[in-house]
């Protein structure tokens, strides 16, 4: 394995782990401190996620592209924008690193808050509204990733995810790796394993839709002078 690819995969693992640690850890802290006020808990969870996502994209973007999301990796690879030569083994390595990182991040959050490290979520998130929300959230995320101007992706992606926490019924997982980590956490941010497959399918559909929309709008852009 080339050193550059090894560093990129390590960055995807570490970045996804830190992102899931922030999502789950802030959810635990928010639920403990909010006194039953779910709006306050969600706001705290949102802010921590937005700040962490911005920092992680800024710091790890130069190393791996800061995907932290299998859908983003697959979409970029399909468009020839993967950045690792477009090799199938590199794509699979990125996805594996992201999934492993998500699980590690969930376990780390449990460790910090003195919870059982190994657990499974019992938080049910099912129904057409949830699935539609995940498709919309992921479509929007992919659209932002593909259309963000040079140097502004970190801020735009973080802002979009922060907004999507509130305008989607599912609180915007928009990431199969996030589903993997959160289904192993019986906390505020969790999702029951039985509901996870439908979330992932909705995210894949949304990623495709966001990619199509970005391509359609790019084709109709007026030439720059």
C-alpha atoms as a PDB file:
ATOM      1  CA  UNK A   1       0.000   0.000   0.000  1.00  0.00           C
ATOM      2  CA  UNK A   2       1.344   3.420  -0.958  1.00  0.00           C
ATOM      3  CA  UNK A   3       2.212   5.684   1.996  1.00  0.00           C
ATOM      4  CA  UNK A   4      -0.118   8.403   0.720  1.00  0.00           C
ATOM      5  CA  UNK A   5      -3.086   6.013   0.598  1.00  0.00           C
ATOM      6  CA  UNK A   6      -2.216   4.647   4.035  1.00  0.00           C
ATOM      7  CA  UNK A   7      -2.185   8.184   5.489  1.00  0.00           C
ATOM      8  CA  UNK A   8      -5.451   9.019   3.755  1.00  0.00           C
ATOM      9  CA  UNK A   9      -7.180   5.908   5.119  1.00  0.00           C
ATOM     10  CA  UNK A  10      -5.840   6.668   8.599  1.00  0.00           C
ATOM     11  CA  UNK A  11      -7.238  10.191   8.303  1.00  0.00           C
ATOM     12  CA  UNK A  12     -10.644   8.815   7.303  1.00  0.00           C
ATOM     13  CA  UNK A  13     -10.602   6.445  10.274  1.00  0.00           C
ATOM     14  CA  UNK A  14      -9.542   9.131  12.744  1.00  0.00           C
ATOM     15  CA  UNK A  15     -11.851  11.790  11.337  1.00  0.00           C
ATOM     16  CA  UNK A  16     -14.913   9.554  11.328  1.00  0.00           C
ATOM     17  CA  UNK A  17     -14.078   8.337  14.839  1.00  0.00           C
ATOM     18  CA  UNK A  18     -13.761  11.888  16.153  1.00  0.00           C
ATOM     19  CA  UNK A  19     -16.955  12.954  14.378  1.00  0.00           C
ATOM     20  CA  UNK A  20     -18.983  10.092  15.875  1.00  0.00           C
ATOM     21  CA  UNK A  21     -17.395  10.665  19.262  1.00  0.00           C
ATOM     22  CA  UNK A  22     -18.530  14.297  19.063  1.00  0.00           C
ATOM     23  CA  UNK A  23     -22.045  13.380  17.907  1.00  0.00           C
ATOM     24  CA  UNK A  24     -22.632  10.674  20.515  1.00  0.00           C
ATOM     25  CA  UNK A  25     -20.665  12.287  23.337  1.00  0.00           C
ATOM     26  CA  UNK A  26     -22.412  15.631  22.980  1.00  0.00           C
ATOM     27  CA  UNK A  27     -25.734  13.818  22.841  1.00  0.00           C
ATOM     28  CA  UNK A  28     -24.994  12.094  26.135  1.00  0.00           C
ATOM     29  CA  UNK A  29     -23.869  15.341  27.782  1.00  0.00           C
ATOM     30  CA  UNK A  30     -26.808  17.288  26.368  1.00  0.00           C
ATOM     31  CA  UNK A  31     -29.355  14.762  27.600  1.00  0.00           C
ATOM     32  CA  UNK A  32     -27.813  14.773  31.079  1.00  0.00           C
ATOM     33  CA  UNK A  33     -27.781  18.562  31.385  1.00  0.00           C
ATOM     34  CA  UNK A  34     -30.939  19.567  29.529  1.00  0.00           C
ATOM     35  CA  UNK A  35     -33.293  18.513  32.309  1.00  0.00           C
ATOM     36  CA  UNK A  36     -35.677  16.792  29.928  1.00  0.00           C
ATOM     37  CA  UNK A  37     -35.849  19.708  27.482  1.00  0.00           C
ATOM     38  CA  UNK A  38     -35.360  17.915  24.180  1.00  0.00           C
ATOM     39  CA  UNK A  39     -35.059  21.137  22.180  1.00  0.00           C
ATOM     40  CA  UNK A  40     -32.123  22.281  24.321  1.00  0.00           C
ATOM     41  CA  UNK A  41     -30.533  18.839  24.073  1.00  0.00           C
ATOM     42  CA  UNK A  42     -30.852  18.810  20.274  1.00  0.00           C
ATOM     43  CA  UNK A  43     -29.453  22.345  20.022  1.00  0.00           C
ATOM     44  CA  UNK A  44     -26.406  21.385  22.085  1.00  0.00           C
ATOM     45  CA  UNK A  45     -25.924  18.221  20.034  1.00  0.00           C
ATOM     46  CA  UNK A  46     -26.212  20.250  16.827  1.00  0.00           C
ATOM     47  CA  UNK A  47     -23.666  22.892  17.834  1.00  0.00           C
ATOM     48  CA  UNK A  48     -21.085  20.315  18.925  1.00  0.00           C
ATOM     49  CA  UNK A  49     -21.501  18.419  15.648  1.00  0.00           C
ATOM     50  CA  UNK A  50     -21.202  21.571  13.521  1.00  0.00           C
ATOM     51  CA  UNK A  51     -18.054  22.765  15.290  1.00  0.00           C
ATOM     52  CA  UNK A  52     -16.414  19.343  15.198  1.00  0.00           C
ATOM     53  CA  UNK A  53     -17.274  18.790  11.532  1.00  0.00           C
ATOM     54  CA  UNK A  54     -15.824  22.143  10.493  1.00  0.00           C
ATOM     55  CA  UNK A  55     -12.566  21.531  12.378  1.00  0.00           C
ATOM     56  CA  UNK A  56     -12.181  17.970  11.081  1.00  0.00           C
ATOM     57  CA  UNK A  57     -12.760  18.943   7.448  1.00  0.00           C
ATOM     58  CA  UNK A  58     -10.307  21.837   7.714  1.00  0.00           C
ATOM     59  CA  UNK A  59      -7.568  19.779   9.356  1.00  0.00           C
ATOM     60  CA  UNK A  60      -7.949  16.434   7.563  1.00  0.00           C
ATOM     61  CA  UNK A  61      -9.183  17.638   4.192  1.00  0.00           C
ATOM     62  CA  UNK A  62      -5.640  18.085   2.849  1.00  0.00           C
ATOM     63  CA  UNK A  63      -4.814  14.500   3.859  1.00  0.00           C
ATOM     64  CA  UNK A  64      -7.804  12.483   2.624  1.00  0.00           C
ATOM     65  CA  UNK A  65     -10.409  14.894   1.322  1.00  0.00           C
ATOM     66  CA  UNK A  66     -12.299  14.548   4.626  1.00  0.00           C
ATOM     67  CA  UNK A  67     -15.138  12.384   3.331  1.00  0.00           C
ATOM     68  CA  UNK A  68     -15.990  10.626   6.644  1.00  0.00           C
ATOM     69  CA  UNK A  69     -18.957   9.183   4.765  1.00  0.00           C
ATOM     70  CA  UNK A  70     -19.229   6.170   2.412  1.00  0.00           C
ATOM     71  CA  UNK A  71     -21.861   7.891   0.265  1.00  0.00           C
ATOM     72  CA  UNK A  72     -19.562  10.856  -0.347  1.00  0.00           C
ATOM     73  CA  UNK A  73     -16.692   8.504  -1.207  1.00  0.00           C
ATOM     74  CA  UNK A  74     -18.815   6.489  -3.636  1.00  0.00           C
ATOM     75  CA  UNK A  75     -20.236   9.587  -5.336  1.00  0.00           C
ATOM     76  CA  UNK A  76     -16.818  11.201  -5.761  1.00  0.00           C
ATOM     77  CA  UNK A  77     -15.388   7.935  -7.103  1.00  0.00           C
ATOM     78  CA  UNK A  78     -18.234   7.632  -9.623  1.00  0.00           C
ATOM     79  CA  UNK A  79     -17.444  11.144 -10.866  1.00  0.00           C
ATOM     80  CA  UNK A  80     -13.706  10.604 -11.100  1.00  0.00           C
ATOM     81  CA  UNK A  81     -13.094  13.009  -8.217  1.00  0.00           C
ATOM     82  CA  UNK A  82     -11.968  10.492  -5.612  1.00  0.00           C
ATOM     83  CA  UNK A  83      -8.378  11.703  -5.569  1.00  0.00           C
ATOM     84  CA  UNK A  84      -6.723   8.334  -4.957  1.00  0.00           C
ATOM     85  CA  UNK A  85      -6.440   7.278  -8.571  1.00  0.00           C
ATOM     86  CA  UNK A  86     -10.021   6.024  -8.651  1.00  0.00           C
ATOM     87  CA  UNK A  87      -8.909   2.490  -7.765  1.00  0.00           C
ATOM     88  CA  UNK A  88     -11.596   0.176  -6.438  1.00  0.00           C
ATOM     89  CA  UNK A  89      -9.363  -1.117  -3.650  1.00  0.00           C
ATOM     90  CA  UNK A  90      -8.760   2.461  -2.455  1.00  0.00           C
ATOM     91  CA  UNK A  91     -12.501   3.168  -2.402  1.00  0.00           C
ATOM     92  CA  UNK A  92     -13.148   0.010  -0.406  1.00  0.00           C
ATOM     93  CA  UNK A  93     -10.328   0.901   1.982  1.00  0.00           C
ATOM     94  CA  UNK A  94     -11.857   4.347   2.583  1.00  0.00           C
ATOM     95  CA  UNK A  95     -15.296   2.859   3.276  1.00  0.00           C
ATOM     96  CA  UNK A  96     -13.850   0.249   5.643  1.00  0.00           C
ATOM     97  CA  UNK A  97     -11.867   2.928   7.478  1.00  0.00           C
ATOM     98  CA  UNK A  98     -14.965   5.087   7.833  1.00  0.00           C
ATOM     99  CA  UNK A  99     -17.093   2.241   9.203  1.00  0.00           C
ATOM    100  CA  UNK A 100     -14.390   1.134  11.635  1.00  0.00           C
ATOM    101  CA  UNK A 101     -13.826   4.720  12.717  1.00  0.00           C
ATOM    102  CA  UNK A 102     -17.522   5.234  13.422  1.00  0.00           C
ATOM    103  CA  UNK A 103     -17.619   2.191  15.685  1.00  0.00           C
ATOM    104  CA  UNK A 104     -14.430   3.282  17.462  1.00  0.00           C
ATOM    105  CA  UNK A 105     -15.878   6.761  17.985  1.00  0.00           C
ATOM    106  CA  UNK A 106     -19.029   5.361  19.569  1.00  0.00           C
ATOM    107  CA  UNK A 107     -16.994   3.183  21.910  1.00  0.00           C
ATOM    108  CA  UNK A 108     -14.766   6.105  22.869  1.00  0.00           C
ATOM    109  CA  UNK A 109     -17.788   8.248  23.742  1.00  0.00           C
ATOM    110  CA  UNK A 110     -19.131   5.461  25.967  1.00  0.00           C
ATOM    111  CA  UNK A 111     -15.767   5.125  27.674  1.00  0.00           C
ATOM    112  CA  UNK A 112     -15.572   8.852  28.468  1.00  0.00           C
ATOM    113  CA  UNK A 113     -19.033   8.872  30.037  1.00  0.00           C
ATOM    114  CA  UNK A 114     -18.576   5.643  32.028  1.00  0.00           C
ATOM    115  CA  UNK A 115     -21.152   3.742  29.999  1.00  0.00           C
ATOM    116  CA  UNK A 116     -20.921   0.117  28.867  1.00  0.00           C
ATOM    117  CA  UNK A 117     -18.694   0.195  25.802  1.00  0.00           C
ATOM    118  CA  UNK A 118     -20.566  -2.573  23.985  1.00  0.00           C
ATOM    119  CA  UNK A 119     -24.245  -1.804  23.561  1.00  0.00           C
ATOM    120  CA  UNK A 120     -26.970  -1.626  20.933  1.00  0.00           C
ATOM    121  CA  UNK A 121     -29.477   1.167  20.499  1.00  0.00           C
ATOM    122  CA  UNK A 122     -33.144   0.733  21.340  1.00  0.00           C
ATOM    123  CA  UNK A 123     -34.164   4.106  19.886  1.00  0.00           C
ATOM    124  CA  UNK A 124     -36.688   3.415  17.121  1.00  0.00           C
ATOM    125  CA  UNK A 125     -36.507   5.599  14.018  1.00  0.00           C
ATOM    126  CA  UNK A 126     -38.805   4.114  11.388  1.00  0.00           C
ATOM    127  CA  UNK A 127     -41.427   5.144   8.882  1.00  0.00           C
ATOM    128  CA  UNK A 128     -41.683   6.941   5.572  1.00  0.00           C
ATOM    129  CA  UNK A 129     -41.065  10.322   7.150  1.00  0.00           C
ATOM    130  CA  UNK A 130     -37.742   9.190   8.605  1.00  0.00           C
ATOM    131  CA  UNK A 131     -36.660   7.541   5.349  1.00  0.00           C
ATOM    132  CA  UNK A 132     -37.663  10.544   3.260  1.00  0.00           C
ATOM    133  CA  UNK A 133     -35.773  12.776   5.685  1.00  0.00           C
ATOM    134  CA  UNK A 134     -32.610  10.719   5.274  1.00  0.00           C
ATOM    135  CA  UNK A 135     -32.889  10.825   1.497  1.00  0.00           C
ATOM    136  CA  UNK A 136     -33.361  14.611   1.569  1.00  0.00           C
ATOM    137  CA  UNK A 137     -30.547  15.123   4.081  1.00  0.00           C
ATOM    138  CA  UNK A 138     -28.081  13.033   2.089  1.00  0.00           C
ATOM    139  CA  UNK A 139     -29.090  14.556  -1.244  1.00  0.00           C
ATOM    140  CA  UNK A 140     -28.457  18.002   0.160  1.00  0.00           C
ATOM    141  CA  UNK A 141     -25.131  16.994   1.651  1.00  0.00           C
ATOM    142  CA  UNK A 142     -23.866  15.499  -1.610  1.00  0.00           C
ATOM    143  CA  UNK A 143     -25.086  18.555  -3.516  1.00  0.00           C
ATOM    144  CA  UNK A 144     -23.165  20.862  -1.151  1.00  0.00           C
ATOM    145  CA  UNK A 145     -20.014  18.723  -1.380  1.00  0.00           C
ATOM    146  CA  UNK A 146     -20.087  18.774  -5.175  1.00  0.00           C
ATOM    147  CA  UNK A 147     -21.018  22.442  -5.580  1.00  0.00           C
ATOM    148  CA  UNK A 148     -19.027  24.067  -2.757  1.00  0.00           C
ATOM    149  CA  UNK A 149     -16.566  26.675  -4.082  1.00  0.00           C
ATOM    150  CA  UNK A 150     -12.870  26.021  -3.576  1.00  0.00           C
ATOM    151  CA  UNK A 151     -11.871  26.505   0.048  1.00  0.00           C
ATOM    152  CA  UNK A 152     -15.412  26.835   1.406  1.00  0.00           C
ATOM    153  CA  UNK A 153     -16.463  23.192   1.745  1.00  0.00           C
ATOM    154  CA  UNK A 154     -15.790  22.952   5.489  1.00  0.00           C
ATOM    155  CA  UNK A 155     -18.016  25.884   6.390  1.00  0.00           C
ATOM    156  CA  UNK A 156     -20.763  25.014   3.918  1.00  0.00           C
ATOM    157  CA  UNK A 157     -20.937  21.325   4.851  1.00  0.00           C
ATOM    158  CA  UNK A 158     -20.942  22.118   8.586  1.00  0.00           C
ATOM    159  CA  UNK A 159     -23.649  24.761   8.148  1.00  0.00           C
ATOM    160  CA  UNK A 160     -25.790  22.449   6.028  1.00  0.00           C
ATOM    161  CA  UNK A 161     -25.592  19.587   8.525  1.00  0.00           C
ATOM    162  CA  UNK A 162     -26.404  21.975  11.370  1.00  0.00           C
ATOM    163  CA  UNK A 163     -29.491  23.174   9.541  1.00  0.00           C
ATOM    164  CA  UNK A 164     -30.507  19.656   8.534  1.00  0.00           C
ATOM    165  CA  UNK A 165     -30.484  18.567  12.182  1.00  0.00           C
ATOM    166  CA  UNK A 166     -33.553  20.770  12.534  1.00  0.00           C
ATOM    167  CA  UNK A 167     -35.383  20.663   9.203  1.00  0.00           C
ATOM    168  CA  UNK A 168     -35.342  16.856   8.786  1.00  0.00           C
ATOM    169  CA  UNK A 169     -37.450  14.465  10.836  1.00  0.00           C
ATOM    170  CA  UNK A 170     -34.487  12.114  11.297  1.00  0.00           C
ATOM    171  CA  UNK A 171     -32.057  14.818  12.566  1.00  0.00           C
ATOM    172  CA  UNK A 172     -29.909  14.215   9.488  1.00  0.00           C
ATOM    173  CA  UNK A 173     -27.675  11.190   9.860  1.00  0.00           C
ATOM    174  CA  UNK A 174     -26.948  11.441   6.095  1.00  0.00           C
ATOM    175  CA  UNK A 175     -24.099   8.963   6.464  1.00  0.00           C
ATOM    176  CA  UNK A 176     -24.029   5.129   6.546  1.00  0.00           C
ATOM    177  CA  UNK A 177     -20.935   5.240   8.785  1.00  0.00           C
ATOM    178  CA  UNK A 178     -22.861   7.410  11.252  1.00  0.00           C
ATOM    179  CA  UNK A 179     -25.630   4.815  11.199  1.00  0.00           C
ATOM    180  CA  UNK A 180     -23.093   2.079  11.987  1.00  0.00           C
ATOM    181  CA  UNK A 181     -21.732   3.949  14.979  1.00  0.00           C
ATOM    182  CA  UNK A 182     -25.045   5.228  16.295  1.00  0.00           C
ATOM    183  CA  UNK A 183     -26.802   1.865  16.160  1.00  0.00           C
ATOM    184  CA  UNK A 184     -24.151   0.648  18.625  1.00  0.00           C
ATOM    185  CA  UNK A 185     -25.010   3.392  21.121  1.00  0.00           C
ATOM    186  CA  UNK A 186     -28.154   3.249  23.254  1.00  0.00           C
ATOM    187  CA  UNK A 187     -28.049   6.995  23.873  1.00  0.00           C
ATOM    188  CA  UNK A 188     -29.650  10.237  22.663  1.00  0.00           C
ATOM    189  CA  UNK A 189     -28.076   9.905  19.200  1.00  0.00           C
ATOM    190  CA  UNK A 190     -28.777   6.208  18.685  1.00  0.00           C
ATOM    191  CA  UNK A 191     -30.780   4.329  16.080  1.00  0.00           C
ATOM    192  CA  UNK A 192     -32.094   0.798  16.542  1.00  0.00           C
ATOM    193  CA  UNK A 193     -30.227  -1.795  14.440  1.00  0.00           C
ATOM    194  CA  UNK A 194     -33.555  -2.956  12.979  1.00  0.00           C
ATOM    195  CA  UNK A 195     -34.058   0.514  11.495  1.00  0.00           C
ATOM    196  CA  UNK A 196     -30.502   0.904  10.197  1.00  0.00           C
ATOM    197  CA  UNK A 197     -30.846  -0.875   6.791  1.00  0.00           C
ATOM    198  CA  UNK A 198     -33.699   1.389   5.680  1.00  0.00           C
ATOM    199  CA  UNK A 199     -31.689   4.448   6.723  1.00  0.00           C
ATOM    200  CA  UNK A 200     -28.727   3.320   4.627  1.00  0.00           C
ATOM    201  CA  UNK A 201     -30.891   2.592   1.581  1.00  0.00           C
ATOM    202  CA  UNK A 202     -32.502   6.017   1.870  1.00  0.00           C
ATOM    203  CA  UNK A 203     -29.061   7.625   2.151  1.00  0.00           C
ATOM    204  CA  UNK A 204     -27.799   5.833  -0.949  1.00  0.00           C
ATOM    205  CA  UNK A 205     -30.873   6.970  -2.875  1.00  0.00           C
ATOM    206  CA  UNK A 206     -30.410  10.503  -1.609  1.00  0.00           C
ATOM    207  CA  UNK A 207     -26.742  10.504  -2.544  1.00  0.00           C
ATOM    208  CA  UNK A 208     -27.634   9.519  -6.103  1.00  0.00           C
ATOM    209  CA  UNK A 209     -30.297  12.245  -6.269  1.00  0.00           C
ATOM    210  CA  UNK A 210     -27.902  14.886  -4.967  1.00  0.00           C
ATOM    211  CA  UNK A 211     -25.300  13.850  -7.522  1.00  0.00           C
ATOM    212  CA  UNK A 212     -27.804  14.046 -10.378  1.00  0.00           C
ATOM    213  CA  UNK A 213     -29.003  17.465  -9.244  1.00  0.00           C
ATOM    214  CA  UNK A 214     -25.458  18.814  -8.986  1.00  0.00           C
ATOM    215  CA  UNK A 215     -24.635  17.529 -12.467  1.00  0.00           C
ATOM    216  CA  UNK A 216     -27.813  18.968 -13.963  1.00  0.00           C
ATOM    217  CA  UNK A 217     -27.173  22.399 -12.508  1.00  0.00           C
ATOM    218  CA  UNK A 218     -23.521  22.356 -13.483  1.00  0.00           C
ATOM    219  CA  UNK A 219     -24.476  21.672 -17.096  1.00  0.00           C
ATOM    220  CA  UNK A 220     -26.734  24.720 -17.112  1.00  0.00           C
ATOM    221  CA  UNK A 221     -24.309  27.173 -15.512  1.00  0.00           C
ATOM    222  CA  UNK A 222     -23.515  30.257 -17.530  1.00  0.00           C
ATOM    223  CA  UNK A 223     -19.904  30.467 -18.672  1.00  0.00           C
ATOM    224  CA  UNK A 224     -17.663  32.701 -16.563  1.00  0.00           C
ATOM    225  CA  UNK A 225     -16.021  35.731 -18.121  1.00  0.00           C
END
